[in-house]
Amino acid sequence: MNVLEINVLVLAYLGDTIYEDYIRKYLISLGINNVNDLQKKSTDYVSAKSQAKFLQDMLDNSFLSEEEISVVKRARNYKSNSHPKNCDIITYKYATGLEALIGFLELQDRTDRIKEIMNYIIGE
């Protein structure tokens, strides 16, 4: 399977689950034991606005490789007119870019790099 030939929205679909799972485990590791508190805190990381901000920060700080940037750009530039009502299309496309990158890395079994990216996001 050539990961570069997979539809970027499929990569984002996969990346979304991995990203959210990582964040949930991280928040639980902080000792948050109330589901409502977990849900509220997770939006600091899982919302399209937050994901777009994290991605932009990684781009600004040259944290991503050229290959990773290429995947992000493919996802960001994918022709799609739909997006959630709670954010603009550009924010949504950046969030999709981050999710697609995570999905891309997962399908390449590059879990160490996913961990580096997620640690960057949570500030570790």
PDB file of N, CA and C in Angstrom:
ATOM      1  N   MET A   1       0.842  -1.181   0.000  1.00  0.00           N
ATOM      2  CA  MET A   1       0.000   0.000   0.000  1.00  0.00           C
ATOM      3  C   MET A   1       0.887   1.245   0.000  1.00  0.00           C
ATOM      4  N   ASN A   2       0.661   2.123  -0.952  1.00  0.00           N
ATOM      5  CA  ASN A   2       1.392   3.383  -1.017  1.00  0.00           C
ATOM      6  C   ASN A   2       0.586   4.433  -0.254  1.00  0.00           C
ATOM      7  N   VAL A   3       1.098   4.835   0.892  1.00  0.00           N
ATOM      8  CA  VAL A   3       0.389   5.773   1.757  1.00  0.00           C
ATOM      9  C   VAL A   3       0.162   7.114   1.053  1.00  0.00           C
ATOM     10  N   LEU A   4       1.057   7.497   0.159  1.00  0.00           N
ATOM     11  CA  LEU A   4       0.918   8.768  -0.547  1.00  0.00           C
ATOM     12  C   LEU A   4      -0.275   8.783  -1.503  1.00  0.00           C
ATOM     13  N   GLU A   5      -0.791   7.615  -1.847  1.00  0.00           N
ATOM     14  CA  GLU A   5      -1.924   7.542  -2.763  1.00  0.00           C
ATOM     15  C   GLU A   5      -3.274   7.499  -2.043  1.00  0.00           C
ATOM     16  N   ILE A   6      -3.253   7.424  -0.729  1.00  0.00           N
ATOM     17  CA  ILE A   6      -4.495   7.370   0.040  1.00  0.00           C
ATOM     18  C   ILE A   6      -5.100   8.774   0.123  1.00  0.00           C
ATOM     19  N   ASN A   7      -6.401   8.844  -0.067  1.00  0.00           N
ATOM     20  CA  ASN A   7      -7.133  10.108   0.033  1.00  0.00           C
ATOM     21  C   ASN A   7      -6.811  10.775   1.379  1.00  0.00           C
ATOM     22  N   VAL A   8      -6.478  12.056   1.336  1.00  0.00           N
ATOM     23  CA  VAL A   8      -6.084  12.755   2.559  1.00  0.00           C
ATOM     24  C   VAL A   8      -7.206  12.821   3.585  1.00  0.00           C
ATOM     25  N   LEU A   9      -8.450  12.790   3.136  1.00  0.00           N
ATOM     26  CA  LEU A   9      -9.556  12.780   4.097  1.00  0.00           C
ATOM     27  C   LEU A   9      -9.636  11.442   4.827  1.00  0.00           C
ATOM     28  N   VAL A  10      -9.214  10.377   4.174  1.00  0.00           N
ATOM     29  CA  VAL A  10      -9.131   9.067   4.823  1.00  0.00           C
ATOM     30  C   VAL A  10      -8.004   9.095   5.859  1.00  0.00           C
ATOM     31  N   LEU A  11      -6.880   9.693   5.509  1.00  0.00           N
ATOM     32  CA  LEU A  11      -5.785   9.849   6.469  1.00  0.00           C
ATOM     33  C   LEU A  11      -6.246  10.662   7.672  1.00  0.00           C
ATOM     34  N   ALA A  12      -6.987  11.737   7.425  1.00  0.00           N
ATOM     35  CA  ALA A  12      -7.487  12.579   8.507  1.00  0.00           C
ATOM     36  C   ALA A  12      -8.484  11.821   9.377  1.00  0.00           C
ATOM     37  N   TYR A  13      -9.306  10.999   8.743  1.00  0.00           N
ATOM     38  CA  TYR A  13     -10.273  10.176   9.475  1.00  0.00           C
ATOM     39  C   TYR A  13      -9.555   9.282  10.488  1.00  0.00           C
ATOM     40  N   LEU A  14      -8.477   8.653  10.044  1.00  0.00           N
ATOM     41  CA  LEU A  14      -7.677   7.816  10.929  1.00  0.00           C
ATOM     42  C   LEU A  14      -6.947   8.662  11.965  1.00  0.00           C
ATOM     43  N   GLY A  15      -6.325   9.739  11.502  1.00  0.00           N
ATOM     44  CA  GLY A  15      -5.550  10.596  12.397  1.00  0.00           C
ATOM     45  C   GLY A  15      -6.373  11.207  13.506  1.00  0.00           C
ATOM     46  N   ASP A  16      -7.634  11.516  13.215  1.00  0.00           N
ATOM     47  CA  ASP A  16      -8.533  12.090  14.214  1.00  0.00           C
ATOM     48  C   ASP A  16      -8.697  11.150  15.406  1.00  0.00           C
ATOM     49  N   THR A  17      -8.880   9.862  15.140  1.00  0.00           N
ATOM     50  CA  THR A  17      -9.080   8.914  16.240  1.00  0.00           C
ATOM     51  C   THR A  17      -7.815   8.751  17.074  1.00  0.00           C
ATOM     52  N   ILE A  18      -6.670   8.732  16.417  1.00  0.00           N
ATOM     53  CA  ILE A  18      -5.398   8.568  17.123  1.00  0.00           C
ATOM     54  C   ILE A  18      -5.117   9.802  17.981  1.00  0.00           C
ATOM     55  N   TYR A  19      -5.335  10.969  17.391  1.00  0.00           N
ATOM     56  CA  TYR A  19      -5.117  12.243  18.093  1.00  0.00           C
ATOM     57  C   TYR A  19      -6.004  12.320  19.342  1.00  0.00           C
ATOM     58  N   GLU A  20      -7.282  12.055  19.160  1.00  0.00           N
ATOM     59  CA  GLU A  20      -8.208  12.163  20.289  1.00  0.00           C
ATOM     60  C   GLU A  20      -7.903  11.133  21.368  1.00  0.00           C
ATOM     61  N   ASP A  21      -7.549   9.921  20.969  1.00  0.00           N
ATOM     62  CA  ASP A  21      -7.183   8.884  21.924  1.00  0.00           C
ATOM     63  C   ASP A  21      -5.960   9.311  22.748  1.00  0.00           C
ATOM     64  N   TYR A  22      -4.974   9.882  22.070  1.00  0.00           N
ATOM     65  CA  TYR A  22      -3.762  10.335  22.761  1.00  0.00           C
ATOM     66  C   TYR A  22      -4.107  11.415  23.790  1.00  0.00           C
ATOM     67  N   ILE A  23      -4.938  12.381  23.386  1.00  0.00           N
ATOM     68  CA  ILE A  23      -5.323  13.469  24.283  1.00  0.00           C
ATOM     69  C   ILE A  23      -6.113  12.935  25.474  1.00  0.00           C
ATOM     70  N   ARG A  24      -7.044  12.033  25.219  1.00  0.00           N
ATOM     71  CA  ARG A  24      -7.833  11.459  26.322  1.00  0.00           C
ATOM     72  C   ARG A  24      -6.928  10.751  27.326  1.00  0.00           C
ATOM     73  N   LYS A  25      -6.004   9.944  26.849  1.00  0.00           N
ATOM     74  CA  LYS A  25      -5.087   9.244  27.745  1.00  0.00           C
ATOM     75  C   LYS A  25      -4.219  10.237  28.520  1.00  0.00           C
ATOM     76  N   TYR A  26      -3.782  11.278  27.842  1.00  0.00           N
ATOM     77  CA  TYR A  26      -2.966  12.306  28.513  1.00  0.00           C
ATOM     78  C   TYR A  26      -3.745  12.969  29.642  1.00  0.00           C
ATOM     79  N   LEU A  27      -4.979  13.375  29.371  1.00  0.00           N
ATOM     80  CA  LEU A  27      -5.789  14.050  30.396  1.00  0.00           C
ATOM     81  C   LEU A  27      -6.095  13.123  31.569  1.00  0.00           C
ATOM     82  N   ILE A  28      -6.350  11.867  31.295  1.00  0.00           N
ATOM     83  CA  ILE A  28      -6.584  10.900  32.369  1.00  0.00           C
ATOM     84  C   ILE A  28      -5.317  10.736  33.204  1.00  0.00           C
ATOM     85  N   SER A  29      -4.145  10.772  32.550  1.00  0.00           N
ATOM     86  CA  SER A  29      -2.879  10.634  33.282  1.00  0.00           C
ATOM     87  C   SER A  29      -2.631  11.809  34.221  1.00  0.00           C
ATOM     88  N   LEU A  30      -3.312  12.938  33.959  1.00  0.00           N
ATOM     89  CA  LEU A  30      -3.188  14.101  34.848  1.00  0.00           C
ATOM     90  C   LEU A  30      -4.015  13.936  36.117  1.00  0.00           C
ATOM     91  N   GLY A  31      -4.810  12.864  36.173  1.00  0.00           N
ATOM     92  CA  GLY A  31      -5.619  12.604  37.356  1.00  0.00           C
ATOM     93  C   GLY A  31      -7.024  13.173  37.282  1.00  0.00           C
ATOM     94  N   ILE A  32      -7.443  13.609  36.113  1.00  0.00           N
ATOM     95  CA  ILE A  32      -8.808  14.122  35.963  1.00  0.00           C
ATOM     96  C   ILE A  32      -9.735  12.908  35.944  1.00  0.00           C
ATOM     97  N   ASN A  33     -10.627  12.834  36.931  1.00  0.00           N
ATOM     98  CA  ASN A  33     -11.468  11.656  37.092  1.00  0.00           C
ATOM     99  C   ASN A  33     -12.947  11.926  36.835  1.00  0.00           C
ATOM    100  N   ASN A  34     -13.292  13.110  36.413  1.00  0.00           N
ATOM    101  CA  ASN A  34     -14.676  13.451  36.136  1.00  0.00           C
ATOM    102  C   ASN A  34     -14.851  13.564  34.623  1.00  0.00           C
ATOM    103  N   VAL A  35     -15.823  12.836  34.068  1.00  0.00           N
ATOM    104  CA  VAL A  35     -16.018  12.813  32.622  1.00  0.00           C
ATOM    105  C   VAL A  35     -16.336  14.199  32.077  1.00  0.00           C
ATOM    106  N   ASN A  36     -17.145  14.977  32.777  1.00  0.00           N
ATOM    107  CA  ASN A  36     -17.464  16.332  32.314  1.00  0.00           C
ATOM    108  C   ASN A  36     -16.216  17.206  32.276  1.00  0.00           C
ATOM    109  N   ASP A  37     -15.360  17.072  33.291  1.00  0.00           N
ATOM    110  CA  ASP A  37     -14.106  17.829  33.310  1.00  0.00           C
ATOM    111  C   ASP A  37     -13.180  17.383  32.174  1.00  0.00           C
ATOM    112  N   LEU A  38     -13.147  16.076  31.925  1.00  0.00           N
ATOM    113  CA  LEU A  38     -12.330  15.562  30.815  1.00  0.00           C
ATOM    114  C   LEU A  38     -12.810  16.136  29.491  1.00  0.00           C
ATOM    115  N   GLN A  39     -14.123  16.161  29.305  1.00  0.00           N
ATOM    116  CA  GLN A  39     -14.689  16.678  28.056  1.00  0.00           C
ATOM    117  C   GLN A  39     -14.361  18.158  27.877  1.00  0.00           C
ATOM    118  N   LYS A  40     -14.515  18.943  28.934  1.00  0.00           N
ATOM    119  CA  LYS A  40     -14.220  20.384  28.853  1.00  0.00           C
ATOM    120  C   LYS A  40     -12.744  20.622  28.548  1.00  0.00           C
ATOM    121  N   LYS A  41     -11.876  19.905  29.241  1.00  0.00           N
ATOM    122  CA  LYS A  41     -10.432  20.092  29.056  1.00  0.00           C
ATOM    123  C   LYS A  41      -9.977  19.607  27.681  1.00  0.00           C
ATOM    124  N   SER A  42     -10.621  18.570  27.162  1.00  0.00           N
ATOM    125  CA  SER A  42     -10.204  18.025  25.867  1.00  0.00           C
ATOM    126  C   SER A  42     -10.401  19.032  24.736  1.00  0.00           C
ATOM    127  N   THR A  43     -11.363  19.931  24.877  1.00  0.00           N
ATOM    128  CA  THR A  43     -11.585  20.924  23.818  1.00  0.00           C
ATOM    129  C   THR A  43     -10.408  21.890  23.683  1.00  0.00           C
ATOM    130  N   ASP A  44      -9.562  21.970  24.715  1.00  0.00           N
ATOM    131  CA  ASP A  44      -8.343  22.787  24.599  1.00  0.00           C
ATOM    132  C   ASP A  44      -7.389  22.193  23.560  1.00  0.00           C
ATOM    133  N   TYR A  45      -7.580  20.931  23.237  1.00  0.00           N
ATOM    134  CA  TYR A  45      -6.688  20.229  22.323  1.00  0.00           C
ATOM    135  C   TYR A  45      -7.379  19.709  21.064  1.00  0.00           C
ATOM    136  N   VAL A  46      -8.625  19.290  21.191  1.00  0.00           N
ATOM    137  CA  VAL A  46      -9.278  18.531  20.134  1.00  0.00           C
ATOM    138  C   VAL A  46     -10.110  19.391  19.184  1.00  0.00           C
ATOM    139  N   SER A  47     -10.421  20.600  19.522  1.00  0.00           N
ATOM    140  CA  SER A  47     -11.222  21.442  18.624  1.00  0.00           C
ATOM    141  C   SER A  47     -10.420  21.814  17.375  1.00  0.00           C
ATOM    142  N   ALA A  48     -11.133  22.096  16.290  1.00  0.00           N
ATOM    143  CA  ALA A  48     -10.463  22.500  15.047  1.00  0.00           C
ATOM    144  C   ALA A  48      -9.605  23.738  15.280  1.00  0.00           C
ATOM    145  N   LYS A  49     -10.105  24.672  16.059  1.00  0.00           N
ATOM    146  CA  LYS A  49      -9.355  25.902  16.344  1.00  0.00           C
ATOM    147  C   LYS A  49      -8.031  25.589  17.053  1.00  0.00           C
ATOM    148  N   SER A  50      -8.078  24.699  18.036  1.00  0.00           N
ATOM    149  CA  SER A  50      -6.860  24.319  18.761  1.00  0.00           C
ATOM    150  C   SER A  50      -5.893  23.565  17.860  1.00  0.00           C
ATOM    151  N   GLN A  51      -6.417  22.620  17.093  1.00  0.00           N
ATOM    152  CA  GLN A  51      -5.558  21.842  16.205  1.00  0.00           C
ATOM    153  C   GLN A  51      -4.886  22.732  15.163  1.00  0.00           C
ATOM    154  N   ALA A  52      -5.623  23.682  14.629  1.00  0.00           N
ATOM    155  CA  ALA A  52      -5.050  24.609  13.644  1.00  0.00           C
ATOM    156  C   ALA A  52      -3.942  25.445  14.280  1.00  0.00           C
ATOM    157  N   LYS A  53      -4.165  25.879  15.515  1.00  0.00           N
ATOM    158  CA  LYS A  53      -3.157  26.671  16.228  1.00  0.00           C
ATOM    159  C   LYS A  53      -1.890  25.849  16.470  1.00  0.00           C
ATOM    160  N   PHE A  54      -2.056  24.600  16.892  1.00  0.00           N
ATOM    161  CA  PHE A  54      -0.889  23.742  17.128  1.00  0.00           C
ATOM    162  C   PHE A  54      -0.115  23.503  15.834  1.00  0.00           C
ATOM    163  N   LEU A  55      -0.835  23.250  14.756  1.00  0.00           N
ATOM    164  CA  LEU A  55      -0.173  23.019  13.476  1.00  0.00           C
ATOM    165  C   LEU A  55       0.591  24.264  13.035  1.00  0.00           C
ATOM    166  N   GLN A  56      -0.042  25.431  13.129  1.00  0.00           N
ATOM    167  CA  GLN A  56       0.623  26.667  12.722  1.00  0.00           C
ATOM    168  C   GLN A  56       1.884  26.902  13.551  1.00  0.00           C
ATOM    169  N   ASP A  57       1.821  26.592  14.830  1.00  0.00           N
ATOM    170  CA  ASP A  57       2.979  26.746  15.709  1.00  0.00           C
ATOM    171  C   ASP A  57       4.115  25.816  15.271  1.00  0.00           C
ATOM    172  N   MET A  58       3.770  24.577  14.916  1.00  0.00           N
ATOM    173  CA  MET A  58       4.808  23.638  14.444  1.00  0.00           C
ATOM    174  C   MET A  58       5.425  24.115  13.137  1.00  0.00           C
ATOM    175  N   LEU A  59       4.598  24.666  12.252  1.00  0.00           N
ATOM    176  CA  LEU A  59       5.108  25.193  10.985  1.00  0.00           C
ATOM    177  C   LEU A  59       6.009  26.399  11.235  1.00  0.00           C
ATOM    178  N   ASP A  60       5.576  27.292  12.109  1.00  0.00           N
ATOM    179  CA  ASP A  60       6.356  28.506  12.418  1.00  0.00           C
ATOM    180  C   ASP A  60       7.710  28.170  13.044  1.00  0.00           C
ATOM    181  N   ASN A  61       7.773  27.053  13.769  1.00  0.00           N
ATOM    182  CA  ASN A  61       9.001  26.675  14.467  1.00  0.00           C
ATOM    183  C   ASN A  61       9.795  25.588  13.740  1.00  0.00           C
ATOM    184  N   SER A  62       9.480  25.375  12.468  1.00  0.00           N
ATOM    185  CA  SER A  62      10.195  24.398  11.630  1.00  0.00           C
ATOM    186  C   SER A  62      10.300  23.031  12.298  1.00  0.00           C
ATOM    187  N   PHE A  63       9.220  22.606  12.935  1.00  0.00           N
ATOM    188  CA  PHE A  63       9.200  21.331  13.637  1.00  0.00           C
ATOM    189  C   PHE A  63       8.938  20.155  12.699  1.00  0.00           C
ATOM    190  N   LEU A  64       8.310  20.421  11.567  1.00  0.00           N
ATOM    191  CA  LEU A  64       7.926  19.357  10.647  1.00  0.00           C
ATOM    192  C   LEU A  64       8.932  19.213   9.506  1.00  0.00           C
ATOM    193  N   SER A  65       9.074  17.978   9.036  1.00  0.00           N
ATOM    194  CA  SER A  65       9.955  17.714   7.893  1.00  0.00           C
ATOM    195  C   SER A  65       9.268  18.154   6.598  1.00  0.00           C
ATOM    196  N   GLU A  66      10.022  18.205   5.534  1.00  0.00           N
ATOM    197  CA  GLU A  66       9.450  18.558   4.222  1.00  0.00           C
ATOM    198  C   GLU A  66       8.358  17.572   3.820  1.00  0.00           C
ATOM    199  N   GLU A  67       8.600  16.288   4.061  1.00  0.00           N
ATOM    200  CA  GLU A  67       7.604  15.267   3.738  1.00  0.00           C
ATOM    201  C   GLU A  67       6.318  15.494   4.533  1.00  0.00           C
ATOM    202  N   GLU A  68       6.461  15.810   5.807  1.00  0.00           N
ATOM    203  CA  GLU A  68       5.293  16.052   6.662  1.00  0.00           C
ATOM    204  C   GLU A  68       4.533  17.292   6.206  1.00  0.00           C
ATOM    205  N   ILE A  69       5.261  18.330   5.848  1.00  0.00           N
ATOM    206  CA  ILE A  69       4.633  19.556   5.350  1.00  0.00           C
ATOM    207  C   ILE A  69       3.867  19.269   4.063  1.00  0.00           C
ATOM    208  N   SER A  70       4.422  18.420   3.228  1.00  0.00           N
ATOM    209  CA  SER A  70       3.769  18.051   1.982  1.00  0.00           C
ATOM    210  C   SER A  70       2.417  17.372   2.242  1.00  0.00           C
ATOM    211  N   VAL A  71       2.374  16.478   3.215  1.00  0.00           N
ATOM    212  CA  VAL A  71       1.115  15.808   3.576  1.00  0.00           C
ATOM    213  C   VAL A  71       0.116  16.832   4.096  1.00  0.00           C
ATOM    214  N   VAL A  72       0.580  17.726   4.962  1.00  0.00           N
ATOM    215  CA  VAL A  72      -0.288  18.776   5.514  1.00  0.00           C
ATOM    216  C   VAL A  72      -0.861  19.632   4.390  1.00  0.00           C
ATOM    217  N   LYS A  73      -0.023  20.035   3.453  1.00  0.00           N
ATOM    218  CA  LYS A  73      -0.481  20.880   2.341  1.00  0.00           C
ATOM    219  C   LYS A  73      -1.489  20.160   1.461  1.00  0.00           C
ATOM    220  N   ARG A  74      -1.237  18.868   1.206  1.00  0.00           N
ATOM    221  CA  ARG A  74      -2.198  18.086   0.423  1.00  0.00           C
ATOM    222  C   ARG A  74      -3.573  18.091   1.086  1.00  0.00           C
ATOM    223  N   ALA A  75      -3.586  17.898   2.384  1.00  0.00           N
ATOM    224  CA  ALA A  75      -4.861  17.867   3.117  1.00  0.00           C
ATOM    225  C   ALA A  75      -5.483  19.257   3.182  1.00  0.00           C
ATOM    226  N   ARG A  76      -4.660  20.228   3.436  1.00  0.00           N
ATOM    227  CA  ARG A  76      -5.157  21.604   3.558  1.00  0.00           C
ATOM    228  C   ARG A  76      -5.743  22.101   2.245  1.00  0.00           C
ATOM    229  N   ASN A  77      -5.168  21.672   1.129  1.00  0.00           N
ATOM    230  CA  ASN A  77      -5.606  22.150  -0.181  1.00  0.00           C
ATOM    231  C   ASN A  77      -6.657  21.270  -0.835  1.00  0.00           C
ATOM    232  N   TYR A  78      -7.058  20.201  -0.162  1.00  0.00           N
ATOM    233  CA  TYR A  78      -8.058  19.297  -0.722  1.00  0.00           C
ATOM    234  C   TYR A  78      -9.368  20.061  -0.938  1.00  0.00           C
ATOM    235  N   LYS A  79      -9.959  19.871  -2.099  1.00  0.00           N
ATOM    236  CA  LYS A  79     -11.189  20.591  -2.444  1.00  0.00           C
ATOM    237  C   LYS A  79     -12.365  20.034  -1.655  1.00  0.00           C
ATOM    238  N   SER A  80     -12.792  20.794  -0.669  1.00  0.00           N
ATOM    239  CA  SER A  80     -13.945  20.421   0.139  1.00  0.00           C
ATOM    240  C   SER A  80     -14.630  21.706   0.572  1.00  0.00           C
ATOM    241  N   ASN A  81     -15.915  21.763   0.396  1.00  0.00           N
ATOM    242  CA  ASN A  81     -16.648  22.979   0.758  1.00  0.00           C
ATOM    243  C   ASN A  81     -17.376  22.846   2.085  1.00  0.00           C
ATOM    244  N   SER A  82     -17.339  21.666   2.660  1.00  0.00           N
ATOM    245  CA  SER A  82     -18.041  21.494   3.934  1.00  0.00           C
ATOM    246  C   SER A  82     -17.078  21.709   5.093  1.00  0.00           C
ATOM    247  N   HIS A  83     -17.603  22.250   6.162  1.00  0.00           N
ATOM    248  CA  HIS A  83     -16.847  22.421   7.403  1.00  0.00           C
ATOM    249  C   HIS A  83     -17.832  22.634   8.537  1.00  0.00           C
ATOM    250  N   PRO A  84     -17.408  22.391   9.773  1.00  0.00           N
ATOM    251  CA  PRO A  84     -18.312  22.585  10.908  1.00  0.00           C
ATOM    252  C   PRO A  84     -18.784  24.036  11.007  1.00  0.00           C
ATOM    253  N   LYS A  85     -19.941  24.229  11.589  1.00  0.00           N
ATOM    254  CA  LYS A  85     -20.501  25.577  11.730  1.00  0.00           C
ATOM    255  C   LYS A  85     -19.726  26.436  12.719  1.00  0.00           C
ATOM    256  N   ASN A  86     -18.980  25.780  13.616  1.00  0.00           N
ATOM    257  CA  ASN A  86     -18.310  26.534  14.676  1.00  0.00           C
ATOM    258  C   ASN A  86     -16.918  27.044  14.313  1.00  0.00           C
ATOM    259  N   CYS A  87     -16.495  26.883  13.049  1.00  0.00           N
ATOM    260  CA  CYS A  87     -15.203  27.433  12.641  1.00  0.00           C
ATOM    261  C   CYS A  87     -15.208  27.734  11.147  1.00  0.00           C
ATOM    262  N   ASP A  88     -14.269  28.567  10.732  1.00  0.00           N
ATOM    263  CA  ASP A  88     -14.176  28.932   9.319  1.00  0.00           C
ATOM    264  C   ASP A  88     -13.451  27.834   8.541  1.00  0.00           C
ATOM    265  N   ILE A  89     -13.547  27.904   7.237  1.00  0.00           N
ATOM    266  CA  ILE A  89     -13.008  26.860   6.365  1.00  0.00           C
ATOM    267  C   ILE A  89     -11.486  26.743   6.470  1.00  0.00           C
ATOM    268  N   ILE A  90     -10.783  27.850   6.640  1.00  0.00           N
ATOM    269  CA  ILE A  90      -9.320  27.807   6.725  1.00  0.00           C
ATOM    270  C   ILE A  90      -8.877  27.093   8.000  1.00  0.00           C
ATOM    271  N   THR A  91      -9.519  27.413   9.104  1.00  0.00           N
ATOM    272  CA  THR A  91      -9.211  26.745  10.375  1.00  0.00           C
ATOM    273  C   THR A  91      -9.467  25.254  10.249  1.00  0.00           C
ATOM    274  N   TYR A  92     -10.582  24.910   9.659  1.00  0.00           N
ATOM    275  CA  TYR A  92     -10.947  23.503   9.474  1.00  0.00           C
ATOM    276  C   TYR A  92      -9.916  22.780   8.607  1.00  0.00           C
ATOM    277  N   LYS A  93      -9.445  23.428   7.552  1.00  0.00           N
ATOM    278  CA  LYS A  93      -8.462  22.802   6.665  1.00  0.00           C
ATOM    279  C   LYS A  93      -7.118  22.591   7.368  1.00  0.00           C
ATOM    280  N   TYR A  94      -6.729  23.516   8.225  1.00  0.00           N
ATOM    281  CA  TYR A  94      -5.491  23.333   8.987  1.00  0.00           C
ATOM    282  C   TYR A  94      -5.639  22.173   9.970  1.00  0.00           C
ATOM    283  N   ALA A  95      -6.785  22.089  10.627  1.00  0.00           N
ATOM    284  CA  ALA A  95      -7.029  20.976  11.552  1.00  0.00           C
ATOM    285  C   ALA A  95      -7.018  19.658  10.798  1.00  0.00           C
ATOM    286  N   THR A  96      -7.619  19.635   9.618  1.00  0.00           N
ATOM    287  CA  THR A  96      -7.614  18.440   8.783  1.00  0.00           C
ATOM    288  C   THR A  96      -6.184  18.075   8.395  1.00  0.00           C
ATOM    289  N   GLY A  97      -5.353  19.072   8.127  1.00  0.00           N
ATOM    290  CA  GLY A  97      -3.948  18.832   7.797  1.00  0.00           C
ATOM    291  C   GLY A  97      -3.210  18.129   8.915  1.00  0.00           C
ATOM    292  N   LEU A  98      -3.446  18.562  10.145  1.00  0.00           N
ATOM    293  CA  LEU A  98      -2.797  17.922  11.299  1.00  0.00           C
ATOM    294  C   LEU A  98      -3.278  16.479  11.446  1.00  0.00           C
ATOM    295  N   GLU A  99      -4.576  16.282  11.335  1.00  0.00           N
ATOM    296  CA  GLU A  99      -5.120  14.922  11.458  1.00  0.00           C
ATOM    297  C   GLU A  99      -4.602  14.010  10.347  1.00  0.00           C
ATOM    298  N   ALA A 100      -4.525  14.531   9.127  1.00  0.00           N
ATOM    299  CA  ALA A 100      -4.016  13.736   8.006  1.00  0.00           C
ATOM    300  C   ALA A 100      -2.556  13.350   8.244  1.00  0.00           C
ATOM    301  N   LEU A 101      -1.776  14.265   8.781  1.00  0.00           N
ATOM    302  CA  LEU A 101      -0.378  13.969   9.085  1.00  0.00           C
ATOM    303  C   LEU A 101      -0.278  12.821  10.080  1.00  0.00           C
ATOM    304  N   ILE A 102      -1.088  12.860  11.121  1.00  0.00           N
ATOM    305  CA  ILE A 102      -1.061  11.793  12.131  1.00  0.00           C
ATOM    306  C   ILE A 102      -1.468  10.460  11.487  1.00  0.00           C
ATOM    307  N   GLY A 103      -2.500  10.477  10.654  1.00  0.00           N
ATOM    308  CA  GLY A 103      -2.925   9.259   9.969  1.00  0.00           C
ATOM    309  C   GLY A 103      -1.847   8.725   9.040  1.00  0.00           C
ATOM    310  N   PHE A 104      -1.198   9.620   8.330  1.00  0.00           N
ATOM    311  CA  PHE A 104      -0.095   9.265   7.430  1.00  0.00           C
ATOM    312  C   PHE A 104       1.031   8.573   8.200  1.00  0.00           C
ATOM    313  N   LEU A 105       1.423   9.166   9.318  1.00  0.00           N
ATOM    314  CA  LEU A 105       2.501   8.596  10.124  1.00  0.00           C
ATOM    315  C   LEU A 105       2.092   7.246  10.712  1.00  0.00           C
ATOM    316  N   GLU A 106       0.843   7.124  11.107  1.00  0.00           N
ATOM    317  CA  GLU A 106       0.352   5.853  11.664  1.00  0.00           C
ATOM    318  C   GLU A 106       0.445   4.734  10.631  1.00  0.00           C
ATOM    319  N   LEU A 107       0.035   5.012   9.419  1.00  0.00           N
ATOM    320  CA  LEU A 107       0.069   3.985   8.382  1.00  0.00           C
ATOM    321  C   LEU A 107       1.487   3.618   7.959  1.00  0.00           C
ATOM    322  N   GLN A 108       2.437   4.448   8.321  1.00  0.00           N
ATOM    323  CA  GLN A 108       3.846   4.137   8.069  1.00  0.00           C
ATOM    324  C   GLN A 108       4.520   3.530   9.307  1.00  0.00           C
ATOM    325  N   ASP A 109       3.714   3.249  10.330  1.00  0.00           N
ATOM    326  CA  ASP A 109       4.230   2.708  11.604  1.00  0.00           C
ATOM    327  C   ASP A 109       5.280   3.612  12.239  1.00  0.00           C
ATOM    328  N   ARG A 110       5.100   4.908  12.088  1.00  0.00           N
ATOM    329  CA  ARG A 110       6.045   5.878  12.659  1.00  0.00           C
ATOM    330  C   ARG A 110       5.471   6.441  13.954  1.00  0.00           C
ATOM    331  N   THR A 111       5.205   5.526  14.890  1.00  0.00           N
ATOM    332  CA  THR A 111       4.572   5.922  16.147  1.00  0.00           C
ATOM    333  C   THR A 111       5.483   6.804  17.007  1.00  0.00           C
ATOM    334  N   ASP A 112       6.795   6.645  16.868  1.00  0.00           N
ATOM    335  CA  ASP A 112       7.711   7.514  17.619  1.00  0.00           C
ATOM    336  C   ASP A 112       7.539   8.970  17.186  1.00  0.00           C
ATOM    337  N   ARG A 113       7.350   9.196  15.892  1.00  0.00           N
ATOM    338  CA  ARG A 113       7.170  10.563  15.397  1.00  0.00           C
ATOM    339  C   ARG A 113       5.813  11.111  15.843  1.00  0.00           C
ATOM    340  N   ILE A 114       4.793  10.263  15.842  1.00  0.00           N
ATOM    341  CA  ILE A 114       3.487  10.710  16.352  1.00  0.00           C
ATOM    342  C   ILE A 114       3.647  11.154  17.801  1.00  0.00           C
ATOM    343  N   LYS A 115       4.368  10.371  18.572  1.00  0.00           N
ATOM    344  CA  LYS A 115       4.588  10.714  19.990  1.00  0.00           C
ATOM    345  C   LYS A 115       5.327  12.042  20.117  1.00  0.00           C
ATOM    346  N   GLU A 116       6.317  12.286  19.275  1.00  0.00           N
ATOM    347  CA  GLU A 116       7.043  13.573  19.303  1.00  0.00           C
ATOM    348  C   GLU A 116       6.102  14.731  19.020  1.00  0.00           C
ATOM    349  N   ILE A 117       5.257  14.558  18.013  1.00  0.00           N
ATOM    350  CA  ILE A 117       4.294  15.605  17.658  1.00  0.00           C
ATOM    351  C   ILE A 117       3.304  15.839  18.783  1.00  0.00           C
ATOM    352  N   MET A 118       2.790  14.761  19.348  1.00  0.00           N
ATOM    353  CA  MET A 118       1.811  14.912  20.427  1.00  0.00           C
ATOM    354  C   MET A 118       2.454  15.514  21.676  1.00  0.00           C
ATOM    355  N   ASN A 119       3.698  15.160  21.967  1.00  0.00           N
ATOM    356  CA  ASN A 119       4.399  15.774  23.099  1.00  0.00           C
ATOM    357  C   ASN A 119       4.635  17.255  22.852  1.00  0.00           C
ATOM    358  N   TYR A 120       4.897  17.630  21.615  1.00  0.00           N
ATOM    359  CA  TYR A 120       5.035  19.043  21.258  1.00  0.00           C
ATOM    360  C   TYR A 120       3.711  19.760  21.562  1.00  0.00           C
ATOM    361  N   ILE A 121       2.615  19.146  21.162  1.00  0.00           N
ATOM    362  CA  ILE A 121       1.293  19.760  21.344  1.00  0.00           C
ATOM    363  C   ILE A 121       0.941  19.927  22.815  1.00  0.00           C
ATOM    364  N   ILE A 122       1.210  18.901  23.627  1.00  0.00           N
ATOM    365  CA  ILE A 122       0.844  19.001  25.047  1.00  0.00           C
ATOM    366  C   ILE A 122       1.908  19.732  25.869  1.00  0.00           C
ATOM    367  N   GLY A 123       3.008  20.101  25.208  1.00  0.00           N
ATOM    368  CA  GLY A 123       4.011  20.925  25.873  1.00  0.00           C
ATOM    369  C   GLY A 123       5.036  20.160  26.663  1.00  0.00           C
ATOM    370  N   GLU A 124       5.277  18.920  26.286  1.00  0.00           N
ATOM    371  CA  GLU A 124       6.300  18.119  27.002  1.00  0.00           C
ATOM    372  C   GLU A 124       7.522  17.935  26.127  1.00  0.00           C
TER     373      GLU A 124
END
